[in-house]
C-alpha atoms as a PDB file:
ATOM      1  CA  MET A   1      -0.004   0.000   0.015  1.00  0.00           C
ATOM      2  CA  PRO A   2       1.528   3.353  -0.971  1.00  0.00           C
ATOM      3  CA  GLU A   3       2.437   5.297   2.145  1.00  0.00           C
ATOM      4  CA  LEU A   4       3.841   8.807   2.684  1.00  0.00           C
ATOM      5  CA  PRO A   5       7.251   8.143   1.018  1.00  0.00           C
ATOM      6  CA  GLU A   6       5.641   6.587  -2.057  1.00  0.00           C
ATOM      7  CA  VAL A   7       3.101   9.439  -2.333  1.00  0.00           C
ATOM      8  CA  GLU A   8       5.880  12.008  -1.936  1.00  0.00           C
ATOM      9  CA  VAL A   9       7.955  10.249  -4.608  1.00  0.00           C
ATOM     10  CA  THR A  10       4.912  10.397  -6.875  1.00  0.00           C
ATOM     11  CA  ARG A  11       4.415  14.105  -6.157  1.00  0.00           C
ATOM     12  CA  LEU A  12       8.014  14.899  -6.937  1.00  0.00           C
ATOM     13  CA  GLY A  13       7.791  12.895 -10.148  1.00  0.00           C
ATOM     14  CA  ILE A  14       4.656  14.437 -11.634  1.00  0.00           C
ATOM     15  CA  LEU A  15       5.154  18.048 -10.473  1.00  0.00           C
ATOM     16  CA  PRO A  16       7.705  19.127 -13.119  1.00  0.00           C
ATOM     17  CA  HIS A  17       5.495  17.773 -15.901  1.00  0.00           C
ATOM     18  CA  LEU A  18       2.244  19.373 -14.783  1.00  0.00           C
ATOM     19  CA  GLU A  19       2.974  22.639 -12.983  1.00  0.00           C
ATOM     20  CA  GLY A  20       1.878  25.588 -15.067  1.00  0.00           C
ATOM     21  CA  ARG A  21       0.061  23.459 -17.650  1.00  0.00           C
ATOM     22  CA  LYS A  22      -3.609  23.741 -18.514  1.00  0.00           C
ATOM     23  CA  MET A  23      -5.750  20.621 -18.472  1.00  0.00           C
ATOM     24  CA  SER A  24      -7.313  19.934 -21.833  1.00  0.00           C
ATOM     25  CA  GLU A  25      -9.626  17.000 -21.068  1.00  0.00           C
ATOM     26  CA  VAL A  26     -10.692  14.563 -18.344  1.00  0.00           C
ATOM     27  CA  LYS A  27     -11.559  10.966 -19.251  1.00  0.00           C
ATOM     28  CA  VAL A  28     -13.219   8.853 -16.587  1.00  0.00           C
ATOM     29  CA  ILE A  29     -12.867   5.230 -17.702  1.00  0.00           C
ATOM     30  CA  ASP A  30     -14.213   3.744 -14.470  1.00  0.00           C
ATOM     31  CA  GLY A  31     -15.234   6.117 -11.700  1.00  0.00           C
ATOM     32  CA  ARG A  32     -16.204   3.407  -9.215  1.00  0.00           C
ATOM     33  CA  LEU A  33     -13.332   4.012  -6.823  1.00  0.00           C
ATOM     34  CA  ARG A  34     -13.423   4.088  -3.018  1.00  0.00           C
ATOM     35  CA  TRP A  35     -15.771   7.051  -3.459  1.00  0.00           C
ATOM     36  CA  PRO A  36     -17.375   7.773  -6.823  1.00  0.00           C
ATOM     37  CA  VAL A  37     -15.387  10.168  -8.982  1.00  0.00           C
ATOM     38  CA  PRO A  38     -17.302  13.485  -9.097  1.00  0.00           C
ATOM     39  CA  SER A  39     -19.439  13.524 -12.227  1.00  0.00           C
ATOM     40  CA  ASN A  40     -18.722  17.169 -12.992  1.00  0.00           C
ATOM     41  CA  LEU A  41     -14.937  16.917 -13.322  1.00  0.00           C
ATOM     42  CA  ALA A  42     -15.042  16.539 -17.100  1.00  0.00           C
ATOM     43  CA  LYS A  43     -16.944  19.845 -17.316  1.00  0.00           C
ATOM     44  CA  ILE A  44     -15.143  22.029 -14.808  1.00  0.00           C
ATOM     45  CA  LEU A  45     -11.468  21.040 -15.159  1.00  0.00           C
ATOM     46  CA  PRO A  46     -10.657  21.622 -18.861  1.00  0.00           C
ATOM     47  CA  SER A  47      -8.794  24.951 -19.376  1.00  0.00           C
ATOM     48  CA  GLN A  48      -7.847  25.135 -15.668  1.00  0.00           C
ATOM     49  CA  LYS A  49      -4.146  25.499 -14.840  1.00  0.00           C
ATOM     50  CA  VAL A  50      -2.125  23.429 -12.350  1.00  0.00           C
ATOM     51  CA  TRP A  51      -0.664  25.938  -9.898  1.00  0.00           C
ATOM     52  CA  GLY A  52       1.106  23.427  -7.666  1.00  0.00           C
ATOM     53  CA  ILE A  53       0.990  19.955  -6.138  1.00  0.00           C
ATOM     54  CA  GLU A  54       1.287  19.461  -2.376  1.00  0.00           C
ATOM     55  CA  ARG A  55       0.853  16.435  -0.137  1.00  0.00           C
ATOM     56  CA  ARG A  56      -1.112  16.028   3.091  1.00  0.00           C
ATOM     57  CA  GLY A  57      -0.563  12.619   4.646  1.00  0.00           C
ATOM     58  CA  LYS A  58      -1.224  10.196   1.783  1.00  0.00           C
ATOM     59  CA  TYR A  59      -3.332  12.663  -0.224  1.00  0.00           C
ATOM     60  CA  LEU A  60      -1.980  14.533  -3.217  1.00  0.00           C
ATOM     61  CA  LEU A  61      -3.440  18.033  -3.421  1.00  0.00           C
ATOM     62  CA  ILE A  62      -3.373  19.377  -6.986  1.00  0.00           C
ATOM     63  CA  GLU A  63      -4.220  23.074  -6.949  1.00  0.00           C
ATOM     64  CA  MET A  64      -6.239  24.252  -9.948  1.00  0.00           C
ATOM     65  CA  ASP A  65      -7.742  27.664 -10.724  1.00  0.00           C
ATOM     66  CA  THR A  66     -11.006  27.110  -8.855  1.00  0.00           C
ATOM     67  CA  GLY A  67     -10.239  24.282  -6.469  1.00  0.00           C
ATOM     68  CA  TYR A  68      -8.152  21.278  -5.526  1.00  0.00           C
ATOM     69  CA  LEU A  69      -8.051  17.742  -6.907  1.00  0.00           C
ATOM     70  CA  LEU A  70      -7.434  15.325  -4.059  1.00  0.00           C
ATOM     71  CA  VAL A  71      -5.913  12.034  -5.166  1.00  0.00           C
ATOM     72  CA  HIS A  72      -5.392   8.997  -2.931  1.00  0.00           C
ATOM     73  CA  LEU A  73      -3.577   5.955  -4.311  1.00  0.00           C
ATOM     74  CA  GLY A  74      -5.424   3.451  -2.132  1.00  0.00           C
ATOM     75  CA  MET A  75      -3.972  -0.042  -1.888  1.00  0.00           C
ATOM     76  CA  THR A  76      -2.531  -0.492  -5.371  1.00  0.00           C
ATOM     77  CA  GLY A  77      -2.812   2.830  -7.170  1.00  0.00           C
ATOM     78  CA  THR A  78      -0.115   4.582  -9.170  1.00  0.00           C
ATOM     79  CA  LEU A  79      -0.005   7.913 -11.036  1.00  0.00           C
ATOM     80  CA  ARG A  80       2.061   8.112 -14.182  1.00  0.00           C
ATOM     81  CA  VAL A  81       2.777  10.812 -16.736  1.00  0.00           C
ATOM     82  CA  LEU A  82       2.689   9.290 -20.213  1.00  0.00           C
ATOM     83  CA  PRO A  83       2.371  10.470 -23.814  1.00  0.00           C
ATOM     84  CA  SER A  84      -1.323  10.896 -24.572  1.00  0.00           C
ATOM     85  CA  SER A  85      -0.831   8.663 -27.593  1.00  0.00           C
ATOM     86  CA  ASP A  86       0.039   5.656 -25.382  1.00  0.00           C
ATOM     87  CA  PRO A  87      -2.825   3.122 -25.356  1.00  0.00           C
ATOM     88  CA  LEU A  88      -4.813   2.700 -22.151  1.00  0.00           C
ATOM     89  CA  LYS A  89      -4.047  -0.322 -20.011  1.00  0.00           C
ATOM     90  CA  ILE A  90      -6.429  -2.569 -18.087  1.00  0.00           C
ATOM     91  CA  HIS A  91      -7.108  -1.006 -14.663  1.00  0.00           C
ATOM     92  CA  ASP A  92      -6.499   2.571 -15.878  1.00  0.00           C
ATOM     93  CA  ARG A  93      -9.382   4.383 -14.154  1.00  0.00           C
ATOM     94  CA  ILE A  94      -9.100   8.064 -15.023  1.00  0.00           C
ATOM     95  CA  THR A  95      -6.849  10.199 -17.203  1.00  0.00           C
ATOM     96  CA  PHE A  96      -6.173  13.908 -17.028  1.00  0.00           C
ATOM     97  CA  GLU A  97      -5.039  15.191 -20.403  1.00  0.00           C
ATOM     98  CA  PHE A  98      -2.584  18.079 -20.835  1.00  0.00           C
ATOM     99  CA  GLY A  99      -2.228  18.331 -24.589  1.00  0.00           C
ATOM    100  CA  LYS A 100       0.356  15.742 -25.603  1.00  0.00           C
ATOM    101  CA  ILE A 101       0.833  14.296 -22.103  1.00  0.00           C
ATOM    102  CA  SER A 102      -1.549  12.390 -19.873  1.00  0.00           C
ATOM    103  CA  LEU A 103      -1.666  11.889 -16.082  1.00  0.00           C
ATOM    104  CA  ARG A 104      -3.157   8.433 -15.542  1.00  0.00           C
ATOM    105  CA  LEU A 105      -4.471   6.813 -12.380  1.00  0.00           C
ATOM    106  CA  HIS A 106      -3.898   3.059 -12.566  1.00  0.00           C
ATOM    107  CA  ASP A 107      -5.694   1.240  -9.732  1.00  0.00           C
ATOM    108  CA  PRO A 108      -6.292  -2.530  -9.991  1.00  0.00           C
ATOM    109  CA  ARG A 109      -8.243  -2.850  -6.729  1.00  0.00           C
ATOM    110  CA  LYS A 110     -10.133   0.453  -7.026  1.00  0.00           C
ATOM    111  CA  PHE A 111      -9.440   1.571  -3.415  1.00  0.00           C
ATOM    112  CA  GLY A 112      -8.001   4.884  -4.571  1.00  0.00           C
ATOM    113  CA  ALA A 113      -9.873   8.177  -4.764  1.00  0.00           C
ATOM    114  CA  VAL A 114     -10.189  11.278  -6.918  1.00  0.00           C
ATOM    115  CA  LEU A 115     -12.131  14.040  -5.188  1.00  0.00           C
ATOM    116  CA  TRP A 116     -12.723  17.775  -5.702  1.00  0.00           C
ATOM    117  CA  HIS A 117     -12.731  20.655  -3.233  1.00  0.00           C
ATOM    118  CA  PRO A 118     -13.847  24.027  -4.682  1.00  0.00           C
ATOM    119  CA  LYS A 119     -12.020  27.066  -3.292  1.00  0.00           C
ATOM    120  CA  SER A 120     -15.424  28.599  -2.726  1.00  0.00           C
ATOM    121  CA  LYS A 121     -15.883  26.126   0.175  1.00  0.00           C
ATOM    122  CA  GLY A 122     -12.839  27.427   2.031  1.00  0.00           C
ATOM    123  CA  PRO A 123      -9.194  26.419   2.485  1.00  0.00           C
ATOM    124  CA  ILE A 124      -8.238  22.879   1.504  1.00  0.00           C
ATOM    125  CA  GLU A 125      -7.411  22.198   5.185  1.00  0.00           C
ATOM    126  CA  GLN A 126     -11.157  22.264   5.833  1.00  0.00           C
ATOM    127  CA  PHE A 127     -11.782  19.228   3.611  1.00  0.00           C
ATOM    128  CA  PRO A 128     -13.310  16.611   5.943  1.00  0.00           C
ATOM    129  CA  LEU A 129     -10.822  13.830   5.155  1.00  0.00           C
ATOM    130  CA  LEU A 130      -7.898  16.074   6.054  1.00  0.00           C
ATOM    131  CA  GLN A 131      -9.149  17.573   9.300  1.00  0.00           C
ATOM    132  CA  LYS A 132      -8.272  14.683  11.640  1.00  0.00           C
ATOM    133  CA  LEU A 133      -4.818  13.983  10.250  1.00  0.00           C
ATOM    134  CA  GLY A 134      -1.844  14.305  12.557  1.00  0.00           C
ATOM    135  CA  VAL A 135       1.221  16.511  12.186  1.00  0.00           C
ATOM    136  CA  GLU A 136       3.321  16.248   9.042  1.00  0.00           C
ATOM    137  CA  PRO A 137       6.641  14.574   9.982  1.00  0.00           C
ATOM    138  CA  PHE A 138       8.729  17.058   7.978  1.00  0.00           C
ATOM    139  CA  SER A 139       6.894  20.141   9.207  1.00  0.00           C
ATOM    140  CA  PRO A 140       8.385  22.578  11.738  1.00  0.00           C
ATOM    141  CA  GLY A 141       5.761  21.301  14.191  1.00  0.00           C
ATOM    142  CA  PHE A 142       7.508  17.906  14.340  1.00  0.00           C
ATOM    143  CA  ALA A 143      11.130  19.049  14.285  1.00  0.00           C
ATOM    144  CA  GLY A 144      13.412  18.647  17.275  1.00  0.00           C
ATOM    145  CA  GLU A 145      11.786  19.013  20.667  1.00  0.00           C
ATOM    146  CA  GLN A 146       8.433  19.762  19.075  1.00  0.00           C
ATOM    147  CA  GLY A 147       8.317  16.237  17.652  1.00  0.00           C
ATOM    148  CA  ALA A 148       8.958  14.832  21.100  1.00  0.00           C
ATOM    149  CA  ASP A 149       6.172  17.070  22.479  1.00  0.00           C
ATOM    150  CA  VAL A 150       3.701  15.840  19.870  1.00  0.00           C
ATOM    151  CA  LEU A 151       4.341  12.164  20.613  1.00  0.00           C
ATOM    152  CA  TYR A 152       4.563  12.555  24.372  1.00  0.00           C
ATOM    153  CA  LYS A 153       1.407  14.614  24.803  1.00  0.00           C
ATOM    154  CA  SER A 154      -0.718  12.613  22.389  1.00  0.00           C
ATOM    155  CA  SER A 155       0.338   9.248  23.887  1.00  0.00           C
ATOM    156  CA  ARG A 156      -0.497   9.997  27.531  1.00  0.00           C
ATOM    157  CA  ASN A 157      -2.929   7.513  29.124  1.00  0.00           C
ATOM    158  CA  ARG A 158      -2.973   5.424  25.932  1.00  0.00           C
ATOM    159  CA  SER A 159      -2.812   1.669  26.529  1.00  0.00           C
ATOM    160  CA  ILE A 160      -2.635   0.889  22.811  1.00  0.00           C
ATOM    161  CA  ALA A 161       0.685  -0.528  21.542  1.00  0.00           C
ATOM    162  CA  VAL A 162       3.030   2.129  20.248  1.00  0.00           C
ATOM    163  CA  LYS A 163       3.028   0.606  16.770  1.00  0.00           C
ATOM    164  CA  GLN A 164      -0.763   0.826  16.521  1.00  0.00           C
ATOM    165  CA  PHE A 165      -0.577   4.344  17.949  1.00  0.00           C
ATOM    166  CA  LEU A 166       1.705   5.383  15.091  1.00  0.00           C
ATOM    167  CA  LEU A 167      -0.298   3.584  12.400  1.00  0.00           C
ATOM    168  CA  ALA A 168      -3.442   5.463  13.427  1.00  0.00           C
ATOM    169  CA  GLY A 169      -1.915   8.663  12.044  1.00  0.00           C
ATOM    170  CA  GLN A 170      -3.634  10.975  14.521  1.00  0.00           C
ATOM    171  CA  ALA A 171      -0.399  12.083  16.177  1.00  0.00           C
ATOM    172  CA  VAL A 172       1.889  12.113  13.134  1.00  0.00           C
ATOM    173  CA  VAL A 173       0.970  11.079   9.601  1.00  0.00           C
ATOM    174  CA  GLY A 174       2.748   8.827   7.167  1.00  0.00           C
ATOM    175  CA  VAL A 175       4.302   6.150   9.376  1.00  0.00           C
ATOM    176  CA  GLY A 176       2.971   3.080   7.571  1.00  0.00           C
ATOM    177  CA  ASN A 177       3.617  -0.533   8.458  1.00  0.00           C
ATOM    178  CA  ILE A 178       7.110  -0.851   7.036  1.00  0.00           C
ATOM    179  CA  TYR A 179       8.155   2.536   8.410  1.00  0.00           C
ATOM    180  CA  CYS A 180       6.753   1.735  11.860  1.00  0.00           C
ATOM    181  CA  SER A 181       8.973  -1.308  12.214  1.00  0.00           C
ATOM    182  CA  GLU A 182      12.006   0.577  10.949  1.00  0.00           C
ATOM    183  CA  SER A 183      11.411   3.687  13.082  1.00  0.00           C
ATOM    184  CA  LEU A 184      10.854   1.682  16.257  1.00  0.00           C
ATOM    185  CA  PHE A 185      14.018  -0.323  15.557  1.00  0.00           C
ATOM    186  CA  GLU A 186      15.969   2.874  14.983  1.00  0.00           C
ATOM    187  CA  ALA A 187      14.639   4.315  18.267  1.00  0.00           C
ATOM    188  CA  GLY A 188      15.199   1.077  20.246  1.00  0.00           C
ATOM    189  CA  ILE A 189      11.546   0.765  21.301  1.00  0.00           C
ATOM    190  CA  HIS A 190       9.610  -2.506  21.483  1.00  0.00           C
ATOM    191  CA  PRO A 191       6.570  -2.355  19.137  1.00  0.00           C
ATOM    192  CA  ALA A 192       4.225  -3.796  21.753  1.00  0.00           C
ATOM    193  CA  LYS A 193       5.102  -1.229  24.452  1.00  0.00           C
ATOM    194  CA  ALA A 194       2.059   0.723  25.580  1.00  0.00           C
ATOM    195  CA  ALA A 195       2.125   4.193  24.006  1.00  0.00           C
ATOM    196  CA  GLY A 196       1.235   5.758  27.342  1.00  0.00           C
ATOM    197  CA  LYS A 197       4.411   4.323  28.895  1.00  0.00           C
ATOM    198  CA  LEU A 198       6.767   6.008  26.487  1.00  0.00           C
ATOM    199  CA  THR A 199       9.165   8.305  28.303  1.00  0.00           C
ATOM    200  CA  ARG A 200       9.970  11.736  26.980  1.00  0.00           C
ATOM    201  CA  PRO A 201      13.491  10.668  25.900  1.00  0.00           C
ATOM    202  CA  GLN A 202      11.963   7.737  24.041  1.00  0.00           C
ATOM    203  CA  CYS A 203       9.522  10.103  22.314  1.00  0.00           C
ATOM    204  CA  ALA A 204      12.437  12.296  21.296  1.00  0.00           C
ATOM    205  CA  ARG A 205      14.308   9.322  19.827  1.00  0.00           C
ATOM    206  CA  LEU A 206      11.194   8.096  18.073  1.00  0.00           C
ATOM    207  CA  ALA A 207      10.378  11.455  16.500  1.00  0.00           C
ATOM    208  CA  SER A 208      13.937  11.727  15.226  1.00  0.00           C
ATOM    209  CA  ALA A 209      13.828   8.145  13.917  1.00  0.00           C
ATOM    210  CA  ILE A 210      10.562   8.739  12.061  1.00  0.00           C
ATOM    211  CA  ARG A 211      12.000  11.709  10.199  1.00  0.00           C
ATOM    212  CA  LEU A 212      15.189   9.815   9.399  1.00  0.00           C
ATOM    213  CA  ILE A 213      13.483   6.666   8.123  1.00  0.00           C
ATOM    214  CA  LEU A 214      10.935   8.524   6.008  1.00  0.00           C
ATOM    215  CA  LYS A 215      13.682  10.688   4.510  1.00  0.00           C
ATOM    216  CA  LYS A 216      15.726   7.612   3.615  1.00  0.00           C
ATOM    217  CA  ALA A 217      12.644   5.973   2.095  1.00  0.00           C
ATOM    218  CA  ILE A 218      11.916   8.988  -0.109  1.00  0.00           C
ATOM    219  CA  GLU A 219      15.538   9.138  -1.241  1.00  0.00           C
ATOM    220  CA  ALA A 220      15.321   5.424  -2.149  1.00  0.00           C
ATOM    221  CA  GLY A 221      12.182   5.991  -4.220  1.00  0.00           C
ATOM    222  CA  GLY A 222       9.861   4.376  -1.640  1.00  0.00           C
ATOM    223  CA  SER A 223       9.133   0.691  -1.081  1.00  0.00           C
ATOM    224  CA  SER A 224       7.830  -1.639  -3.769  1.00  0.00           C
ATOM    225  CA  LEU A 225       6.238  -4.789  -2.335  1.00  0.00           C
ATOM    226  CA  LYS A 226       3.808  -5.582  -5.162  1.00  0.00           C
ATOM    227  CA  ASP A 227       2.421  -2.819  -7.319  1.00  0.00           C
ATOM    228  CA  PHE A 228       4.066   0.499  -6.519  1.00  0.00           C
ATOM    229  CA  VAL A 229       6.048   2.240  -9.220  1.00  0.00           C
ATOM    230  CA  ASN A 230       6.904   5.922  -9.473  1.00  0.00           C
ATOM    231  CA  SER A 231       5.673   8.314 -12.138  1.00  0.00           C
ATOM    232  CA  GLU A 232       8.210   6.890 -14.583  1.00  0.00           C
ATOM    233  CA  GLY A 233       7.297   3.244 -13.897  1.00  0.00           C
ATOM    234  CA  GLU A 234      10.326   2.470 -11.743  1.00  0.00           C
ATOM    235  CA  PRO A 235      10.045   0.540  -8.426  1.00  0.00           C
ATOM    236  CA  GLY A 236      11.269   1.885  -5.096  1.00  0.00           C
ATOM    237  CA  HIS A 237      14.385   0.438  -3.467  1.00  0.00           C
ATOM    238  CA  PHE A 238      13.973   1.104   0.261  1.00  0.00           C
ATOM    239  CA  MET A 239      13.381  -2.600   1.018  1.00  0.00           C
ATOM    240  CA  VAL A 240      17.057  -3.373   0.438  1.00  0.00           C
ATOM    241  CA  GLN A 241      17.884  -1.003   3.320  1.00  0.00           C
ATOM    242  CA  THR A 242      15.560  -2.336   6.021  1.00  0.00           C
ATOM    243  CA  LYS A 243      17.077  -3.391   9.335  1.00  0.00           C
ATOM    244  CA  ALA A 244      13.974  -5.098  10.764  1.00  0.00           C
ATOM    245  CA  TYR A 245      11.078  -5.291   8.326  1.00  0.00           C
ATOM    246  CA  ASP A 246      10.720  -8.611   6.469  1.00  0.00           C
ATOM    247  CA  ARG A 247      13.918  -9.979   8.057  1.00  0.00           C
ATOM    248  CA  LYS A 248      12.408 -12.698  10.323  1.00  0.00           C
ATOM    249  CA  GLY A 249      15.120 -15.091  11.521  1.00  0.00           C
ATOM    250  CA  GLN A 250      17.930 -13.038  10.022  1.00  0.00           C
ATOM    251  CA  ALA A 251      20.676 -11.668  12.222  1.00  0.00           C
ATOM    252  CA  CYS A 252      20.129  -8.165  13.544  1.00  0.00           C
ATOM    253  CA  LYS A 253      22.517  -5.813  11.796  1.00  0.00           C
ATOM    254  CA  VAL A 254      23.454  -4.296  15.167  1.00  0.00           C
ATOM    255  CA  CYS A 255      23.682  -7.193  17.662  1.00  0.00           C
ATOM    256  CA  LYS A 256      23.297 -10.350  15.495  1.00  0.00           C
ATOM    257  CA  THR A 257      20.225 -11.559  17.468  1.00  0.00           C
ATOM    258  CA  PRO A 258      17.639 -13.152  15.114  1.00  0.00           C
ATOM    259  CA  ILE A 259      14.886 -10.728  14.106  1.00  0.00           C
ATOM    260  CA  LYS A 260      11.419 -11.752  15.343  1.00  0.00           C
ATOM    261  CA  GLN A 261       8.007 -11.362  13.728  1.00  0.00           C
ATOM    262  CA  ILE A 262       4.699 -10.803  15.518  1.00  0.00           C
ATOM    263  CA  VAL A 263       1.234  -9.851  14.279  1.00  0.00           C
ATOM    264  CA  GLN A 264      -0.398  -6.643  15.523  1.00  0.00           C
ATOM    265  CA  GLY A 265      -3.778  -5.638  14.203  1.00  0.00           C
ATOM    266  CA  GLN A 266      -3.459  -8.207  11.398  1.00  0.00           C
ATOM    267  CA  ARG A 267      -0.214  -6.579  10.224  1.00  0.00           C
ATOM    268  CA  SER A 268       3.243  -8.108  10.505  1.00  0.00           C
ATOM    269  CA  THR A 269       5.707  -6.398  12.820  1.00  0.00           C
ATOM    270  CA  TYR A 270       9.428  -7.087  12.881  1.00  0.00           C
ATOM    271  CA  PHE A 271      11.822  -6.227  15.728  1.00  0.00           C
ATOM    272  CA  CYS A 272      15.031  -7.228  17.480  1.00  0.00           C
ATOM    273  CA  PRO A 273      14.284  -8.639  20.967  1.00  0.00           C
ATOM    274  CA  GLN A 274      17.730  -7.527  22.161  1.00  0.00           C
ATOM    275  CA  CYS A 275      17.889  -3.989  20.758  1.00  0.00           C
ATOM    276  CA  GLN A 276      14.200  -3.338  21.441  1.00  0.00           C
ATOM    277  CA  LYS A 277      13.580  -4.712  24.907  1.00  0.00           C
ATOM    278  CA  ARG A 278      10.073  -4.266  26.228  1.00  0.00           C
END
């Protein structure tokens, strides 16, 4: 499932091709995504210019003249910029045409989303799906001691395991399953430790680890487990760097203890029982 690094890699890949261009046509091949594609897009978007592309959590926010396109890649979605002359592929759901180039959402399982927020309804931050998201990990509000503050204050009196606490995304966004295991390993914190029992120093280490791991993942082009490719069709390479995730039984790269695997909330978690004592 594309997480923050994969979405950021996608944003960085499509931005140079689309910024400043005017959309010429919208083609909805199959609008039955997680939420139905708005029926008016084909009427209102042509001739509108792309002013910029930002990211909030796992949502891409494409600013147009009169509003924002919100794109979520779901479980298996990818966005690619291709020549408009390239034939459509099976599972291509919607295309945004910009003259001779096309931005195409390819989504085999149809869990992605394409939504519209008119500027007349207020700032994009007021869009309902964005309002409950936690702090952005690369924002000033999560840097240094502020990151420790966010994790410490939001985890008080929480009995939920720290990994589940991070996955919920209400404290800080973007720490998906792979990046949870890697961040907790980097911070030396057991994934089953109750979030409410994290000490302030642990929160400081964890905040720093989250920023480090996500930065490394973006630089590596994200993680490709099954379907993810970037805007040029290339897979991500972060999986070759992991120190815990998907390394069950292999020697820890720090202490040589075999990496263990447990299941939390139906998701696999990997950790070193020596480096991450409970």
